Amino acid sequence: MNIIFESWKKNRKGIFLMVMSSICACFGQLFWKESVLHGGNLPYLLVGVLVYAIGAFLMITAYRFGKLSVLQPILSFNYVLSLILGVCVLNEHISPINVVGVCVIMAGVLMISGGDESD
């Protein structure tokens, strides 16, 4: 368990930036979806592009502060956040298997992000 906390401590800035990147990517995609739902609304589309671009910048920056093998899997958080946004914002239905999938993804992200054993 101590190895996990050491990995998070060593890569914390990169992990934080990668989580923020994931959040931006999901909200950018949400704005794109809203654009389509509102008949191709250009402001929604442009906000989506801007937020997504900020996410890409954060992702590129994150690589300066951690290992690729630790940081890249954190982008799987996109799937979790997309599911939550779909339910909360778009009133989409989720099944129990979706919930199980989200739990598996989160467990995997936690294990991989805590697996940096090298110096």
PDB file of N, CA and C in Angstrom:
ATOM      1  N   MET A   1       0.822  -1.197   0.000  1.00  0.00           N
ATOM      2  CA  MET A   1       0.000   0.000   0.000  1.00  0.00           C
ATOM      3  C   MET A   1       0.867   1.262   0.000  1.00  0.00           C
ATOM      4  N   ASN A   2       2.004   1.184   0.672  1.00  0.00           N
ATOM      5  CA  ASN A   2       2.910   2.321   0.724  1.00  0.00           C
ATOM      6  C   ASN A   2       3.464   2.657  -0.660  1.00  0.00           C
ATOM      7  N   ILE A   3       3.667   1.629  -1.496  1.00  0.00           N
ATOM      8  CA  ILE A   3       4.164   1.842  -2.859  1.00  0.00           C
ATOM      9  C   ILE A   3       3.172   2.690  -3.652  1.00  0.00           C
ATOM     10  N   ILE A   4       1.890   2.438  -3.450  1.00  0.00           N
ATOM     11  CA  ILE A   4       0.851   3.199  -4.158  1.00  0.00           C
ATOM     12  C   ILE A   4       0.927   4.667  -3.782  1.00  0.00           C
ATOM     13  N   PHE A   5       1.016   4.956  -2.482  1.00  0.00           N
ATOM     14  CA  PHE A   5       1.072   6.347  -2.039  1.00  0.00           C
ATOM     15  C   PHE A   5       2.346   7.034  -2.495  1.00  0.00           C
ATOM     16  N   GLU A   6       3.445   6.307  -2.551  1.00  0.00           N
ATOM     17  CA  GLU A   6       4.702   6.874  -3.042  1.00  0.00           C
ATOM     18  C   GLU A   6       4.592   7.238  -4.525  1.00  0.00           C
ATOM     19  N   SER A   7       3.950   6.368  -5.297  1.00  0.00           N
ATOM     20  CA  SER A   7       3.759   6.639  -6.719  1.00  0.00           C
ATOM     21  C   SER A   7       2.886   7.875  -6.913  1.00  0.00           C
ATOM     22  N   TRP A   8       1.798   7.953  -6.169  1.00  0.00           N
ATOM     23  CA  TRP A   8       0.920   9.121  -6.281  1.00  0.00           C
ATOM     24  C   TRP A   8       1.653  10.389  -5.877  1.00  0.00           C
ATOM     25  N   LYS A   9       2.466  10.285  -4.829  1.00  0.00           N
ATOM     26  CA  LYS A   9       3.225  11.447  -4.367  1.00  0.00           C
ATOM     27  C   LYS A   9       4.231  11.889  -5.427  1.00  0.00           C
ATOM     28  N   LYS A  10       4.919  10.927  -6.017  1.00  0.00           N
ATOM     29  CA  LYS A  10       5.945  11.217  -7.017  1.00  0.00           C
ATOM     30  C   LYS A  10       5.344  11.819  -8.294  1.00  0.00           C
ATOM     31  N   ASN A  11       4.152  11.369  -8.667  1.00  0.00           N
ATOM     32  CA  ASN A  11       3.521  11.785  -9.928  1.00  0.00           C
ATOM     33  C   ASN A  11       2.334  12.722  -9.726  1.00  0.00           C
ATOM     34  N   ARG A  12       2.169  13.279  -8.530  1.00  0.00           N
ATOM     35  CA  ARG A  12       0.928  13.995  -8.191  1.00  0.00           C
ATOM     36  C   ARG A  12       0.597  15.150  -9.126  1.00  0.00           C
ATOM     37  N   LYS A  13       1.583  15.929  -9.513  1.00  0.00           N
ATOM     38  CA  LYS A  13       1.301  17.062 -10.405  1.00  0.00           C
ATOM     39  C   LYS A  13       0.828  16.554 -11.768  1.00  0.00           C
ATOM     40  N   GLY A  14       1.493  15.540 -12.291  1.00  0.00           N
ATOM     41  CA  GLY A  14       1.087  14.959 -13.562  1.00  0.00           C
ATOM     42  C   GLY A  14      -0.288  14.320 -13.472  1.00  0.00           C
ATOM     43  N   ILE A  15      -0.559  13.609 -12.368  1.00  0.00           N
ATOM     44  CA  ILE A  15      -1.866  12.981 -12.168  1.00  0.00           C
ATOM     45  C   ILE A  15      -2.958  14.038 -12.102  1.00  0.00           C
ATOM     46  N   PHE A  16      -2.709  15.111 -11.349  1.00  0.00           N
ATOM     47  CA  PHE A  16      -3.696  16.190 -11.246  1.00  0.00           C
ATOM     48  C   PHE A  16      -3.983  16.798 -12.618  1.00  0.00           C
ATOM     49  N   LEU A  17      -2.933  17.099 -13.362  1.00  0.00           N
ATOM     50  CA  LEU A  17      -3.123  17.686 -14.694  1.00  0.00           C
ATOM     51  C   LEU A  17      -3.852  16.733 -15.634  1.00  0.00           C
ATOM     52  N   MET A  18      -3.566  15.446 -15.522  1.00  0.00           N
ATOM     53  CA  MET A  18      -4.223  14.465 -16.380  1.00  0.00           C
ATOM     54  C   MET A  18      -5.704  14.346 -16.030  1.00  0.00           C
ATOM     55  N   VAL A  19      -6.045  14.392 -14.746  1.00  0.00           N
ATOM     56  CA  VAL A  19      -7.458  14.365 -14.343  1.00  0.00           C
ATOM     57  C   VAL A  19      -8.163  15.618 -14.867  1.00  0.00           C
ATOM     58  N   MET A  20      -7.515  16.772 -14.749  1.00  0.00           N
ATOM     59  CA  MET A  20      -8.111  18.012 -15.269  1.00  0.00           C
ATOM     60  C   MET A  20      -8.285  17.939 -16.790  1.00  0.00           C
ATOM     61  N   SER A  21      -7.315  17.332 -17.465  1.00  0.00           N
ATOM     62  CA  SER A  21      -7.414  17.137 -18.911  1.00  0.00           C
ATOM     63  C   SER A  21      -8.621  16.277 -19.253  1.00  0.00           C
ATOM     64  N   SER A  22      -8.809  15.229 -18.500  1.00  0.00           N
ATOM     65  CA  SER A  22      -9.937  14.324 -18.718  1.00  0.00           C
ATOM     66  C   SER A  22     -11.264  15.050 -18.515  1.00  0.00           C
ATOM     67  N   ILE A  23     -11.326  15.854 -17.484  1.00  0.00           N
ATOM     68  CA  ILE A  23     -12.551  16.631 -17.208  1.00  0.00           C
ATOM     69  C   ILE A  23     -12.828  17.593 -18.357  1.00  0.00           C
ATOM     70  N   CYS A  24     -11.797  18.294 -18.810  1.00  0.00           N
ATOM     71  CA  CYS A  24     -11.981  19.234 -19.927  1.00  0.00           C
ATOM     72  C   CYS A  24     -12.431  18.510 -21.193  1.00  0.00           C
ATOM     73  N   ALA A  25     -11.829  17.365 -21.469  1.00  0.00           N
ATOM     74  CA  ALA A  25     -12.210  16.610 -22.670  1.00  0.00           C
ATOM     75  C   ALA A  25     -13.679  16.205 -22.601  1.00  0.00           C
ATOM     76  N   CYS A  26     -14.124  15.756 -21.447  1.00  0.00           N
ATOM     77  CA  CYS A  26     -15.524  15.332 -21.310  1.00  0.00           C
ATOM     78  C   CYS A  26     -16.485  16.496 -21.456  1.00  0.00           C
ATOM     79  N   PHE A  27     -16.154  17.628 -20.844  1.00  0.00           N
ATOM     80  CA  PHE A  27     -17.035  18.782 -20.976  1.00  0.00           C
ATOM     81  C   PHE A  27     -17.007  19.335 -22.398  1.00  0.00           C
ATOM     82  N   GLY A  28     -15.853  19.275 -23.059  1.00  0.00           N
ATOM     83  CA  GLY A  28     -15.794  19.675 -24.460  1.00  0.00           C
ATOM     84  C   GLY A  28     -16.710  18.813 -25.316  1.00  0.00           C
ATOM     85  N   GLN A  29     -16.682  17.513 -25.082  1.00  0.00           N
ATOM     86  CA  GLN A  29     -17.545  16.598 -25.824  1.00  0.00           C
ATOM     87  C   GLN A  29     -19.017  16.819 -25.476  1.00  0.00           C
ATOM     88  N   LEU A  30     -19.288  17.157 -24.228  1.00  0.00           N
ATOM     89  CA  LEU A  30     -20.667  17.462 -23.838  1.00  0.00           C
ATOM     90  C   LEU A  30     -21.183  18.683 -24.598  1.00  0.00           C
ATOM     91  N   PHE A  31     -20.352  19.701 -24.725  1.00  0.00           N
ATOM     92  CA  PHE A  31     -20.760  20.875 -25.491  1.00  0.00           C
ATOM     93  C   PHE A  31     -20.992  20.526 -26.958  1.00  0.00           C
ATOM     94  N   TRP A  32     -20.179  19.617 -27.512  1.00  0.00           N
ATOM     95  CA  TRP A  32     -20.403  19.181 -28.892  1.00  0.00           C
ATOM     96  C   TRP A  32     -21.754  18.484 -29.020  1.00  0.00           C
ATOM     97  N   LYS A  33     -22.057  17.643 -28.057  1.00  0.00           N
ATOM     98  CA  LYS A  33     -23.355  16.940 -28.066  1.00  0.00           C
ATOM     99  C   LYS A  33     -24.489  17.949 -27.952  1.00  0.00           C
ATOM    100  N   GLU A  34     -24.342  18.930 -27.065  1.00  0.00           N
ATOM    101  CA  GLU A  34     -25.363  19.969 -26.913  1.00  0.00           C
ATOM    102  C   GLU A  34     -25.520  20.762 -28.217  1.00  0.00           C
ATOM    103  N   SER A  35     -24.422  20.998 -28.910  1.00  0.00           N
ATOM    104  CA  SER A  35     -24.489  21.692 -30.192  1.00  0.00           C
ATOM    105  C   SER A  35     -25.361  20.926 -31.180  1.00  0.00           C
ATOM    106  N   VAL A  36     -25.167  19.624 -31.238  1.00  0.00           N
ATOM    107  CA  VAL A  36     -25.962  18.786 -32.138  1.00  0.00           C
ATOM    108  C   VAL A  36     -27.429  18.795 -31.713  1.00  0.00           C
ATOM    109  N   LEU A  37     -27.668  18.709 -30.407  1.00  0.00           N
ATOM    110  CA  LEU A  37     -29.053  18.694 -29.908  1.00  0.00           C
ATOM    111  C   LEU A  37     -29.775  20.016 -30.145  1.00  0.00           C
ATOM    112  N   HIS A  38     -29.006  21.092 -30.276  1.00  0.00           N
ATOM    113  CA  HIS A  38     -29.599  22.408 -30.522  1.00  0.00           C
ATOM    114  C   HIS A  38     -29.458  22.826 -31.986  1.00  0.00           C
ATOM    115  N   GLY A  39     -29.479  21.863 -32.872  1.00  0.00           N
ATOM    116  CA  GLY A  39     -29.489  22.148 -34.306  1.00  0.00           C
ATOM    117  C   GLY A  39     -28.196  22.727 -34.846  1.00  0.00           C
ATOM    118  N   GLY A  40     -27.073  22.291 -34.324  1.00  0.00           N
ATOM    119  CA  GLY A  40     -25.783  22.781 -34.824  1.00  0.00           C
ATOM    120  C   GLY A  40     -25.430  24.146 -34.279  1.00  0.00           C
ATOM    121  N   ASN A  41     -25.822  24.443 -33.053  1.00  0.00           N
ATOM    122  CA  ASN A  41     -25.571  25.729 -32.408  1.00  0.00           C
ATOM    123  C   ASN A  41     -24.066  26.013 -32.367  1.00  0.00           C
ATOM    124  N   LEU A  42     -23.639  27.046 -33.080  1.00  0.00           N
ATOM    125  CA  LEU A  42     -22.221  27.371 -33.204  1.00  0.00           C
ATOM    126  C   LEU A  42     -21.559  27.737 -31.877  1.00  0.00           C
ATOM    127  N   PRO A  43     -22.184  28.539 -31.003  1.00  0.00           N
ATOM    128  CA  PRO A  43     -21.517  28.838 -29.722  1.00  0.00           C
ATOM    129  C   PRO A  43     -21.209  27.589 -28.898  1.00  0.00           C
ATOM    130  N   TYR A  44     -22.132  26.635 -28.840  1.00  0.00           N
ATOM    131  CA  TYR A  44     -21.862  25.383 -28.123  1.00  0.00           C
ATOM    132  C   TYR A  44     -20.671  24.663 -28.744  1.00  0.00           C
ATOM    133  N   LEU A  45     -20.645  24.632 -30.058  1.00  0.00           N
ATOM    134  CA  LEU A  45     -19.562  23.968 -30.771  1.00  0.00           C
ATOM    135  C   LEU A  45     -18.215  24.622 -30.458  1.00  0.00           C
ATOM    136  N   LEU A  46     -18.168  25.949 -30.503  1.00  0.00           N
ATOM    137  CA  LEU A  46     -16.919  26.675 -30.263  1.00  0.00           C
ATOM    138  C   LEU A  46     -16.448  26.537 -28.814  1.00  0.00           C
ATOM    139  N   VAL A  47     -17.371  26.593 -27.881  1.00  0.00           N
ATOM    140  CA  VAL A  47     -17.001  26.394 -26.474  1.00  0.00           C
ATOM    141  C   VAL A  47     -16.450  24.985 -26.291  1.00  0.00           C
ATOM    142  N   GLY A  48     -17.080  24.020 -26.941  1.00  0.00           N
ATOM    143  CA  GLY A  48     -16.592  22.648 -26.874  1.00  0.00           C
ATOM    144  C   GLY A  48     -15.182  22.508 -27.409  1.00  0.00           C
ATOM    145  N   VAL A  49     -14.904  23.145 -28.527  1.00  0.00           N
ATOM    146  CA  VAL A  49     -13.566  23.097 -29.113  1.00  0.00           C
ATOM    147  C   VAL A  49     -12.556  23.743 -28.165  1.00  0.00           C
ATOM    148  N   LEU A  50     -12.908  24.884 -27.590  1.00  0.00           N
ATOM    149  CA  LEU A  50     -12.012  25.588 -26.669  1.00  0.00           C
ATOM    150  C   LEU A  50     -11.709  24.747 -25.423  1.00  0.00           C
ATOM    151  N   VAL A  51     -12.744  24.195 -24.813  1.00  0.00           N
ATOM    152  CA  VAL A  51     -12.557  23.396 -23.594  1.00  0.00           C
ATOM    153  C   VAL A  51     -11.758  22.129 -23.910  1.00  0.00           C
ATOM    154  N   TYR A  52     -12.044  21.511 -25.035  1.00  0.00           N
ATOM    155  CA  TYR A  52     -11.303  20.314 -25.444  1.00  0.00           C
ATOM    156  C   TYR A  52      -9.834  20.661 -25.694  1.00  0.00           C
ATOM    157  N   ALA A  53      -9.575  21.806 -26.314  1.00  0.00           N
ATOM    158  CA  ALA A  53      -8.195  22.233 -26.580  1.00  0.00           C
ATOM    159  C   ALA A  53      -7.448  22.502 -25.273  1.00  0.00           C
ATOM    160  N   ILE A  54      -8.123  23.082 -24.302  1.00  0.00           N
ATOM    161  CA  ILE A  54      -7.503  23.286 -22.994  1.00  0.00           C
ATOM    162  C   ILE A  54      -7.131  21.935 -22.388  1.00  0.00           C
ATOM    163  N   GLY A  55      -8.022  20.963 -22.535  1.00  0.00           N
ATOM    164  CA  GLY A  55      -7.733  19.616 -22.043  1.00  0.00           C
ATOM    165  C   GLY A  55      -6.512  19.016 -22.717  1.00  0.00           C
ATOM    166  N   ALA A  56      -6.389  19.217 -24.027  1.00  0.00           N
ATOM    167  CA  ALA A  56      -5.222  18.694 -24.753  1.00  0.00           C
ATOM    168  C   ALA A  56      -3.940  19.361 -24.264  1.00  0.00           C
ATOM    169  N   PHE A  57      -3.991  20.655 -24.032  1.00  0.00           N
ATOM    170  CA  PHE A  57      -2.827  21.378 -23.514  1.00  0.00           C
ATOM    171  C   PHE A  57      -2.437  20.851 -22.133  1.00  0.00           C
ATOM    172  N   LEU A  58      -3.425  20.632 -21.267  1.00  0.00           N
ATOM    173  CA  LEU A  58      -3.148  20.101 -19.932  1.00  0.00           C
ATOM    174  C   LEU A  58      -2.534  18.699 -20.011  1.00  0.00           C
ATOM    175  N   MET A  59      -3.024  17.888 -20.942  1.00  0.00           N
ATOM    176  CA  MET A  59      -2.491  16.541 -21.106  1.00  0.00           C
ATOM    177  C   MET A  59      -1.024  16.594 -21.535  1.00  0.00           C
ATOM    178  N   ILE A  60      -0.716  17.414 -22.499  1.00  0.00           N
ATOM    179  CA  ILE A  60       0.665  17.544 -22.969  1.00  0.00           C
ATOM    180  C   ILE A  60       1.560  18.042 -21.840  1.00  0.00           C
ATOM    181  N   THR A  61       1.076  18.998 -21.074  1.00  0.00           N
ATOM    182  CA  THR A  61       1.843  19.527 -19.945  1.00  0.00           C
ATOM    183  C   THR A  61       2.048  18.472 -18.866  1.00  0.00           C
ATOM    184  N   ALA A  62       1.043  17.645 -18.639  1.00  0.00           N
ATOM    185  CA  ALA A  62       1.117  16.613 -17.593  1.00  0.00           C
ATOM    186  C   ALA A  62       2.277  15.660 -17.821  1.00  0.00           C
ATOM    187  N   TYR A  63       2.610  15.399 -19.067  1.00  0.00           N
ATOM    188  CA  TYR A  63       3.680  14.449 -19.362  1.00  0.00           C
ATOM    189  C   TYR A  63       5.042  14.925 -18.847  1.00  0.00           C
ATOM    190  N   ARG A  64       5.174  16.194 -18.545  1.00  0.00           N
ATOM    191  CA  ARG A  64       6.418  16.705 -17.970  1.00  0.00           C
ATOM    192  C   ARG A  64       6.571  16.300 -16.504  1.00  0.00           C
ATOM    193  N   PHE A  65       5.458  15.914 -15.875  1.00  0.00           N
ATOM    194  CA  PHE A  65       5.456  15.713 -14.430  1.00  0.00           C
ATOM    195  C   PHE A  65       5.138  14.282 -14.006  1.00  0.00           C
ATOM    196  N   GLY A  66       5.343  13.341 -14.884  1.00  0.00           N
ATOM    197  CA  GLY A  66       5.092  11.958 -14.504  1.00  0.00           C
ATOM    198  C   GLY A  66       5.415  11.019 -15.652  1.00  0.00           C
ATOM    199  N   LYS A  67       5.352   9.751 -15.340  1.00  0.00           N
ATOM    200  CA  LYS A  67       5.648   8.723 -16.329  1.00  0.00           C
ATOM    201  C   LYS A  67       4.436   8.460 -17.212  1.00  0.00           C
ATOM    202  N   LEU A  68       4.686   8.215 -18.466  1.00  0.00           N
ATOM    203  CA  LEU A  68       3.630   7.904 -19.424  1.00  0.00           C
ATOM    204  C   LEU A  68       2.820   6.698 -18.959  1.00  0.00           C
ATOM    205  N   SER A  69       3.502   5.681 -18.454  1.00  0.00           N
ATOM    206  CA  SER A  69       2.815   4.455 -18.037  1.00  0.00           C
ATOM    207  C   SER A  69       1.890   4.672 -16.847  1.00  0.00           C
ATOM    208  N   VAL A  70       2.093   5.741 -16.098  1.00  0.00           N
ATOM    209  CA  VAL A  70       1.217   6.080 -14.977  1.00  0.00           C
ATOM    210  C   VAL A  70       0.128   7.040 -15.429  1.00  0.00           C
ATOM    211  N   LEU A  71       0.502   8.032 -16.219  1.00  0.00           N
ATOM    212  CA  LEU A  71      -0.429   9.113 -16.568  1.00  0.00           C
ATOM    213  C   LEU A  71      -1.444   8.739 -17.647  1.00  0.00           C
ATOM    214  N   GLN A  72      -1.016   8.071 -18.686  1.00  0.00           N
ATOM    215  CA  GLN A  72      -1.907   7.784 -19.817  1.00  0.00           C
ATOM    216  C   GLN A  72      -3.166   7.016 -19.418  1.00  0.00           C
ATOM    217  N   PRO A  73      -3.061   5.990 -18.576  1.00  0.00           N
ATOM    218  CA  PRO A  73      -4.285   5.270 -18.198  1.00  0.00           C
ATOM    219  C   PRO A  73      -5.305   6.123 -17.438  1.00  0.00           C
ATOM    220  N   ILE A  74      -4.854   7.227 -16.862  1.00  0.00           N
ATOM    221  CA  ILE A  74      -5.776   8.097 -16.132  1.00  0.00           C
ATOM    222  C   ILE A  74      -6.818   8.700 -17.071  1.00  0.00           C
ATOM    223  N   LEU A  75      -6.491   8.786 -18.346  1.00  0.00           N
ATOM    224  CA  LEU A  75      -7.471   9.300 -19.307  1.00  0.00           C
ATOM    225  C   LEU A  75      -8.700   8.399 -19.405  1.00  0.00           C
ATOM    226  N   SER A  76      -8.616   7.187 -18.888  1.00  0.00           N
ATOM    227  CA  SER A  76      -9.789   6.306 -18.844  1.00  0.00           C
ATOM    228  C   SER A  76     -10.878   6.871 -17.945  1.00  0.00           C
ATOM    229  N   PHE A  77     -10.498   7.835 -17.131  1.00  0.00           N
ATOM    230  CA  PHE A  77     -11.480   8.543 -16.310  1.00  0.00           C
ATOM    231  C   PHE A  77     -12.531   9.207 -17.192  1.00  0.00           C
ATOM    232  N   ASN A  78     -12.177   9.474 -18.465  1.00  0.00           N
ATOM    233  CA  ASN A  78     -13.147  10.030 -19.424  1.00  0.00           C
ATOM    234  C   ASN A  78     -14.420   9.192 -19.486  1.00  0.00           C
ATOM    235  N   TYR A  79     -14.265   7.875 -19.484  1.00  0.00           N
ATOM    236  CA  TYR A  79     -15.419   6.986 -19.597  1.00  0.00           C
ATOM    237  C   TYR A  79     -16.337   7.127 -18.393  1.00  0.00           C
ATOM    238  N   VAL A  80     -15.736   7.268 -17.237  1.00  0.00           N
ATOM    239  CA  VAL A  80     -16.511   7.411 -16.003  1.00  0.00           C
ATOM    240  C   VAL A  80     -17.261   8.737 -16.011  1.00  0.00           C
ATOM    241  N   LEU A  81     -16.546   9.806 -16.298  1.00  0.00           N
ATOM    242  CA  LEU A  81     -17.165  11.128 -16.294  1.00  0.00           C
ATOM    243  C   LEU A  81     -18.206  11.265 -17.399  1.00  0.00           C
ATOM    244  N   SER A  82     -17.957  10.675 -18.549  1.00  0.00           N
ATOM    245  CA  SER A  82     -18.934  10.718 -19.641  1.00  0.00           C
ATOM    246  C   SER A  82     -20.241  10.046 -19.231  1.00  0.00           C
ATOM    247  N   LEU A  83     -20.122   8.937 -18.535  1.00  0.00           N
ATOM    248  CA  LEU A  83     -21.313   8.237 -18.059  1.00  0.00           C
ATOM    249  C   LEU A  83     -22.088   9.108 -17.067  1.00  0.00           C
ATOM    250  N   ILE A  84     -21.377   9.729 -16.140  1.00  0.00           N
ATOM    251  CA  ILE A  84     -22.012  10.596 -15.141  1.00  0.00           C
ATOM    252  C   ILE A  84     -22.675  11.793 -15.817  1.00  0.00           C
ATOM    253  N   LEU A  85     -21.983  12.432 -16.754  1.00  0.00           N
ATOM    254  CA  LEU A  85     -22.565  13.573 -17.462  1.00  0.00           C
ATOM    255  C   LEU A  85     -23.772  13.157 -18.297  1.00  0.00           C
ATOM    256  N   GLY A  86     -23.679  11.989 -18.910  1.00  0.00           N
ATOM    257  CA  GLY A  86     -24.811  11.497 -19.691  1.00  0.00           C
ATOM    258  C   GLY A  86     -26.055  11.339 -18.842  1.00  0.00           C
ATOM    259  N   VAL A  87     -25.888  10.826 -17.644  1.00  0.00           N
ATOM    260  CA  VAL A  87     -27.028  10.622 -16.745  1.00  0.00           C
ATOM    261  C   VAL A  87     -27.532  11.952 -16.189  1.00  0.00           C
ATOM    262  N   CYS A  88     -26.604  12.770 -15.675  1.00  0.00           N
ATOM    263  CA  CYS A  88     -26.999  14.000 -14.974  1.00  0.00           C
ATOM    264  C   CYS A  88     -27.447  15.128 -15.898  1.00  0.00           C
ATOM    265  N   VAL A  89     -26.795  15.253 -17.048  1.00  0.00           N
ATOM    266  CA  VAL A  89     -27.088  16.383 -17.936  1.00  0.00           C
ATOM    267  C   VAL A  89     -28.033  15.990 -19.067  1.00  0.00           C
ATOM    268  N   LEU A  90     -27.802  14.822 -19.653  1.00  0.00           N
ATOM    269  CA  LEU A  90     -28.570  14.413 -20.828  1.00  0.00           C
ATOM    270  C   LEU A  90     -29.706  13.446 -20.502  1.00  0.00           C
ATOM    271  N   ASN A  91     -29.885  13.129 -19.217  1.00  0.00           N
ATOM    272  CA  ASN A  91     -30.943  12.223 -18.760  1.00  0.00           C
ATOM    273  C   ASN A  91     -30.888  10.851 -19.428  1.00  0.00           C
ATOM    274  N   GLU A  92     -29.687  10.366 -19.662  1.00  0.00           N
ATOM    275  CA  GLU A  92     -29.523   9.034 -20.242  1.00  0.00           C
ATOM    276  C   GLU A  92     -29.697   7.973 -19.159  1.00  0.00           C
ATOM    277  N   HIS A  93     -30.082   6.797 -19.571  1.00  0.00           N
ATOM    278  CA  HIS A  93     -30.275   5.682 -18.644  1.00  0.00           C
ATOM    279  C   HIS A  93     -29.000   4.841 -18.591  1.00  0.00           C
ATOM    280  N   ILE A  94     -28.637   4.399 -17.387  1.00  0.00           N
ATOM    281  CA  ILE A  94     -27.512   3.482 -17.264  1.00  0.00           C
ATOM    282  C   ILE A  94     -28.002   2.174 -16.659  1.00  0.00           C
ATOM    283  N   SER A  95     -27.355   1.112 -17.054  1.00  0.00           N
ATOM    284  CA  SER A  95     -27.727  -0.209 -16.560  1.00  0.00           C
ATOM    285  C   SER A  95     -26.762  -0.630 -15.449  1.00  0.00           C
ATOM    286  N   PRO A  96     -27.110  -1.656 -14.725  1.00  0.00           N
ATOM    287  CA  PRO A  96     -26.185  -2.163 -13.702  1.00  0.00           C
ATOM    288  C   PRO A  96     -24.827  -2.562 -14.279  1.00  0.00           C
ATOM    289  N   ILE A  97     -24.810  -3.074 -15.493  1.00  0.00           N
ATOM    290  CA  ILE A  97     -23.531  -3.454 -16.102  1.00  0.00           C
ATOM    291  C   ILE A  97     -22.675  -2.219 -16.365  1.00  0.00           C
ATOM    292  N   ASN A  98     -23.303  -1.065 -16.653  1.00  0.00           N
ATOM    293  CA  ASN A  98     -22.555   0.179 -16.800  1.00  0.00           C
ATOM    294  C   ASN A  98     -21.884   0.562 -15.488  1.00  0.00           C
ATOM    295  N   VAL A  99     -22.602   0.396 -14.394  1.00  0.00           N
ATOM    296  CA  VAL A  99     -22.056   0.711 -13.069  1.00  0.00           C
ATOM    297  C   VAL A  99     -20.882  -0.203 -12.749  1.00  0.00           C
ATOM    298  N   VAL A 100     -21.011  -1.477 -13.060  1.00  0.00           N
ATOM    299  CA  VAL A 100     -19.915  -2.427 -12.839  1.00  0.00           C
ATOM    300  C   VAL A 100     -18.706  -2.021 -13.683  1.00  0.00           C
ATOM    301  N   GLY A 101     -18.950  -1.657 -14.931  1.00  0.00           N
ATOM    302  CA  GLY A 101     -17.860  -1.229 -15.811  1.00  0.00           C
ATOM    303  C   GLY A 101     -17.131  -0.013 -15.273  1.00  0.00           C
ATOM    304  N   VAL A 102     -17.879   0.954 -14.771  1.00  0.00           N
ATOM    305  CA  VAL A 102     -17.279   2.155 -14.188  1.00  0.00           C
ATOM    306  C   VAL A 102     -16.413   1.786 -12.984  1.00  0.00           C
ATOM    307  N   CYS A 103     -16.900   0.881 -12.147  1.00  0.00           N
ATOM    308  CA  CYS A 103     -16.128   0.450 -10.971  1.00  0.00           C
ATOM    309  C   CYS A 103     -14.835  -0.246 -11.390  1.00  0.00           C
ATOM    310  N   VAL A 104     -14.899  -1.068 -12.421  1.00  0.00           N
ATOM    311  CA  VAL A 104     -13.704  -1.762 -12.915  1.00  0.00           C
ATOM    312  C   VAL A 104     -12.698  -0.757 -13.472  1.00  0.00           C
ATOM    313  N   ILE A 105     -13.188   0.209 -14.232  1.00  0.00           N
ATOM    314  CA  ILE A 105     -12.300   1.235 -14.790  1.00  0.00           C
ATOM    315  C   ILE A 105     -11.620   2.014 -13.675  1.00  0.00           C
ATOM    316  N   MET A 106     -12.380   2.457 -12.688  1.00  0.00           N
ATOM    317  CA  MET A 106     -11.806   3.234 -11.592  1.00  0.00           C
ATOM    318  C   MET A 106     -10.784   2.415 -10.808  1.00  0.00           C
ATOM    319  N   ALA A 107     -11.090   1.141 -10.570  1.00  0.00           N
ATOM    320  CA  ALA A 107     -10.135   0.281  -9.862  1.00  0.00           C
ATOM    321  C   ALA A 107      -8.846   0.148 -10.671  1.00  0.00           C
ATOM    322  N   GLY A 108      -8.979  -0.039 -11.978  1.00  0.00           N
ATOM    323  CA  GLY A 108      -7.803  -0.153 -12.836  1.00  0.00           C
ATOM    324  C   GLY A 108      -6.974   1.116 -12.851  1.00  0.00           C
ATOM    325  N   VAL A 109      -7.628   2.264 -12.945  1.00  0.00           N
ATOM    326  CA  VAL A 109      -6.915   3.542 -12.942  1.00  0.00           C
ATOM    327  C   VAL A 109      -6.170   3.720 -11.619  1.00  0.00           C
ATOM    328  N   LEU A 110      -6.808   3.406 -10.516  1.00  0.00           N
ATOM    329  CA  LEU A 110      -6.153   3.543  -9.212  1.00  0.00           C
ATOM    330  C   LEU A 110      -4.944   2.617  -9.094  1.00  0.00           C
ATOM    331  N   MET A 111      -5.088   1.392  -9.580  1.00  0.00           N
ATOM    332  CA  MET A 111      -3.969   0.452  -9.492  1.00  0.00           C
ATOM    333  C   MET A 111      -2.809   0.862 -10.395  1.00  0.00           C
ATOM    334  N   ILE A 112      -3.109   1.289 -11.609  1.00  0.00           N
ATOM    335  CA  ILE A 112      -2.049   1.665 -12.541  1.00  0.00           C
ATOM    336  C   ILE A 112      -1.372   2.952 -12.091  1.00  0.00           C
ATOM    337  N   SER A 113      -2.142   3.936 -11.654  1.00  0.00           N
ATOM    338  CA  SER A 113      -1.538   5.209 -11.232  1.00  0.00           C
ATOM    339  C   SER A 113      -0.719   5.038  -9.967  1.00  0.00           C
ATOM    340  N   GLY A 114      -0.966   3.984  -9.223  1.00  0.00           N
ATOM    341  CA  GLY A 114      -0.179   3.729  -8.026  1.00  0.00           C
ATOM    342  C   GLY A 114       0.917   2.717  -8.225  1.00  0.00           C
ATOM    343  N   GLY A 115       1.221   2.378  -9.468  1.00  0.00           N
ATOM    344  CA  GLY A 115       2.163   1.315  -9.733  1.00  0.00           C
ATOM    345  C   GLY A 115       3.535   1.734 -10.185  1.00  0.00           C
ATOM    346  N   ASP A 116       3.946   2.957  -9.924  1.00  0.00           N
ATOM    347  CA  ASP A 116       5.264   3.434 -10.321  1.00  0.00           C
ATOM    348  C   ASP A 116       6.280   3.072  -9.246  1.00  0.00           C
ATOM    349  N   GLU A 117       6.948   1.952  -9.430  1.00  0.00           N
ATOM    350  CA  GLU A 117       7.857   1.441  -8.398  1.00  0.00           C
ATOM    351  C   GLU A 117       9.307   1.887  -8.599  1.00  0.00           C
ATOM    352  N   SER A 118       9.624   2.455  -9.742  1.00  0.00           N
ATOM    353  CA  SER A 118      11.021   2.818 -10.006  1.00  0.00           C
ATOM    354  C   SER A 118      11.340   4.186  -9.429  1.00  0.00           C
ATOM    355  N   ASP A 119      12.625   4.460  -9.310  1.00  0.00           N
ATOM    356  CA  ASP A 119      13.054   5.751  -8.762  1.00  0.00           C
ATOM    357  C   ASP A 119      12.982   6.815  -9.766  1.00  0.00           C
TER     358      ASP A 119
END
